[in-house]
Amino acid sequence: MGGKSRTSVTKRQKEQARQQRRQNKEMRREQRAAEKEGRPQVEGEDPDIAGIVPGPQPHPFLTEEEIAEENDEQ
């Protein structure tokens, strides 16, 4: 009959571990929510895409003079 007692102790330990994980997860959620509220809200343009112009982009390695020479050759 001793085995039955051990099973319920193990089961109780597992349940306590689950509860602790749930509490930790809830605390992390609350922290993220608080951090998110504390961030300043930026209105207007997205900083990740600020300054990007649609269409062909300038060549990253050639100067404007070299680009003009290439256009003249074509």
C-alpha atoms as a PDB file:
ATOM      1  CA  MET A   1       0.000   0.000   0.000  1.00  0.00           C
ATOM      2  CA  GLY A   2       3.003   2.277   0.256  1.00  0.00           C
ATOM      3  CA  GLY A   3       3.077   2.730  -3.526  1.00  0.00           C
ATOM      4  CA  LYS A   4      -0.224   4.511  -3.549  1.00  0.00           C
ATOM      5  CA  SER A   5       1.029   7.233  -1.231  1.00  0.00           C
ATOM      6  CA  ARG A   6       4.076   7.834  -3.428  1.00  0.00           C
ATOM      7  CA  THR A   7       1.904   8.257  -6.507  1.00  0.00           C
ATOM      8  CA  SER A   8      -0.231  10.950  -4.915  1.00  0.00           C
ATOM      9  CA  VAL A   9       2.893  12.780  -3.670  1.00  0.00           C
ATOM     10  CA  THR A  10       4.336  12.754  -7.187  1.00  0.00           C
ATOM     11  CA  LYS A  11       1.027  13.902  -8.598  1.00  0.00           C
ATOM     12  CA  ARG A  12       0.890  16.775  -6.105  1.00  0.00           C
ATOM     13  CA  GLN A  13       4.452  17.819  -7.022  1.00  0.00           C
ATOM     14  CA  LYS A  14       3.555  17.870 -10.714  1.00  0.00           C
ATOM     15  CA  GLU A  15       0.474  19.972 -10.036  1.00  0.00           C
ATOM     16  CA  GLN A  16       2.508  22.431  -7.957  1.00  0.00           C
ATOM     17  CA  ALA A  17       5.062  22.699 -10.779  1.00  0.00           C
ATOM     18  CA  ARG A  18       2.243  23.404 -13.267  1.00  0.00           C
ATOM     19  CA  GLN A  19       0.823  26.103 -11.032  1.00  0.00           C
ATOM     20  CA  GLN A  20       4.252  27.693 -10.663  1.00  0.00           C
ATOM     21  CA  ARG A  21       4.768  27.708 -14.449  1.00  0.00           C
ATOM     22  CA  ARG A  22       1.344  29.315 -14.918  1.00  0.00           C
ATOM     23  CA  GLN A  23       2.181  32.007 -12.360  1.00  0.00           C
ATOM     24  CA  ASN A  24       5.540  32.685 -14.017  1.00  0.00           C
ATOM     25  CA  LYS A  25       3.908  32.910 -17.423  1.00  0.00           C
ATOM     26  CA  GLU A  26       1.262  35.309 -16.136  1.00  0.00           C
ATOM     27  CA  MET A  27       3.937  37.507 -14.535  1.00  0.00           C
ATOM     28  CA  ARG A  28       5.875  37.632 -17.826  1.00  0.00           C
ATOM     29  CA  ARG A  29       2.690  38.604 -19.678  1.00  0.00           C
ATOM     30  CA  GLU A  30       2.021  41.416 -17.223  1.00  0.00           C
ATOM     31  CA  GLN A  31       5.612  42.673 -17.520  1.00  0.00           C
ATOM     32  CA  ARG A  32       5.411  42.711 -21.328  1.00  0.00           C
ATOM     33  CA  ALA A  33       2.089  44.548 -21.187  1.00  0.00           C
ATOM     34  CA  ALA A  34       3.550  47.151 -18.819  1.00  0.00           C
ATOM     35  CA  GLU A  35       6.618  47.606 -21.040  1.00  0.00           C
ATOM     36  CA  LYS A  36       4.417  47.947 -24.096  1.00  0.00           C
ATOM     37  CA  GLU A  37       2.340  50.657 -22.402  1.00  0.00           C
ATOM     38  CA  GLY A  38       5.502  52.508 -21.393  1.00  0.00           C
ATOM     39  CA  ARG A  39       6.830  52.771 -24.947  1.00  0.00           C
ATOM     40  CA  PRO A  40       6.294  56.078 -26.674  1.00  0.00           C
ATOM     41  CA  GLN A  41       3.821  55.919 -29.537  1.00  0.00           C
ATOM     42  CA  VAL A  42       5.228  57.339 -32.740  1.00  0.00           C
ATOM     43  CA  GLU A  43       2.751  58.939 -35.064  1.00  0.00           C
ATOM     44  CA  GLY A  44       3.396  59.251 -38.750  1.00  0.00           C
ATOM     45  CA  GLU A  45       6.112  57.468 -40.666  1.00  0.00           C
ATOM     46  CA  ASP A  46       7.466  54.068 -39.691  1.00  0.00           C
ATOM     47  CA  PRO A  47      11.137  54.526 -38.721  1.00  0.00           C
ATOM     48  CA  ASP A  48      12.082  51.233 -40.390  1.00  0.00           C
ATOM     49  CA  ILE A  49      11.058  52.493 -43.802  1.00  0.00           C
ATOM     50  CA  ALA A  50      11.722  56.214 -43.375  1.00  0.00           C
ATOM     51  CA  GLY A  51      13.418  57.736 -46.396  1.00  0.00           C
ATOM     52  CA  ILE A  52      12.767  54.844 -48.760  1.00  0.00           C
ATOM     53  CA  VAL A  53      11.608  56.027 -52.159  1.00  0.00           C
ATOM     54  CA  PRO A  54       9.571  53.743 -54.414  1.00  0.00           C
ATOM     55  CA  GLY A  55      11.057  52.931 -57.767  1.00  0.00           C
ATOM     56  CA  PRO A  56      14.609  52.363 -58.929  1.00  0.00           C
ATOM     57  CA  GLN A  57      17.205  53.006 -56.272  1.00  0.00           C
ATOM     58  CA  PRO A  58      20.586  54.650 -56.878  1.00  0.00           C
ATOM     59  CA  HIS A  59      23.508  52.299 -57.361  1.00  0.00           C
ATOM     60  CA  PRO A  60      25.188  51.828 -53.982  1.00  0.00           C
ATOM     61  CA  PHE A  61      28.776  51.729 -55.321  1.00  0.00           C
ATOM     62  CA  LEU A  62      28.857  54.083 -58.294  1.00  0.00           C
ATOM     63  CA  THR A  63      29.021  57.860 -58.163  1.00  0.00           C
ATOM     64  CA  GLU A  64      26.560  60.000 -60.050  1.00  0.00           C
ATOM     65  CA  GLU A  65      29.237  60.756 -62.662  1.00  0.00           C
ATOM     66  CA  GLU A  66      29.865  57.054 -63.325  1.00  0.00           C
ATOM     67  CA  ILE A  67      26.151  56.420 -63.621  1.00  0.00           C
ATOM     68  CA  ALA A  68      25.829  59.304 -66.114  1.00  0.00           C
ATOM     69  CA  GLU A  69      28.725  57.853 -68.165  1.00  0.00           C
ATOM     70  CA  GLU A  70      26.996  54.445 -68.260  1.00  0.00           C
ATOM     71  CA  ASN A  71      23.740  56.077 -69.406  1.00  0.00           C
ATOM     72  CA  ASP A  72      25.598  57.983 -72.142  1.00  0.00           C
ATOM     73  CA  GLU A  73      27.189  54.759 -73.416  1.00  0.00           C
ATOM     74  CA  GLN A  74      23.799  53.085 -73.736  1.00  0.00           C
END
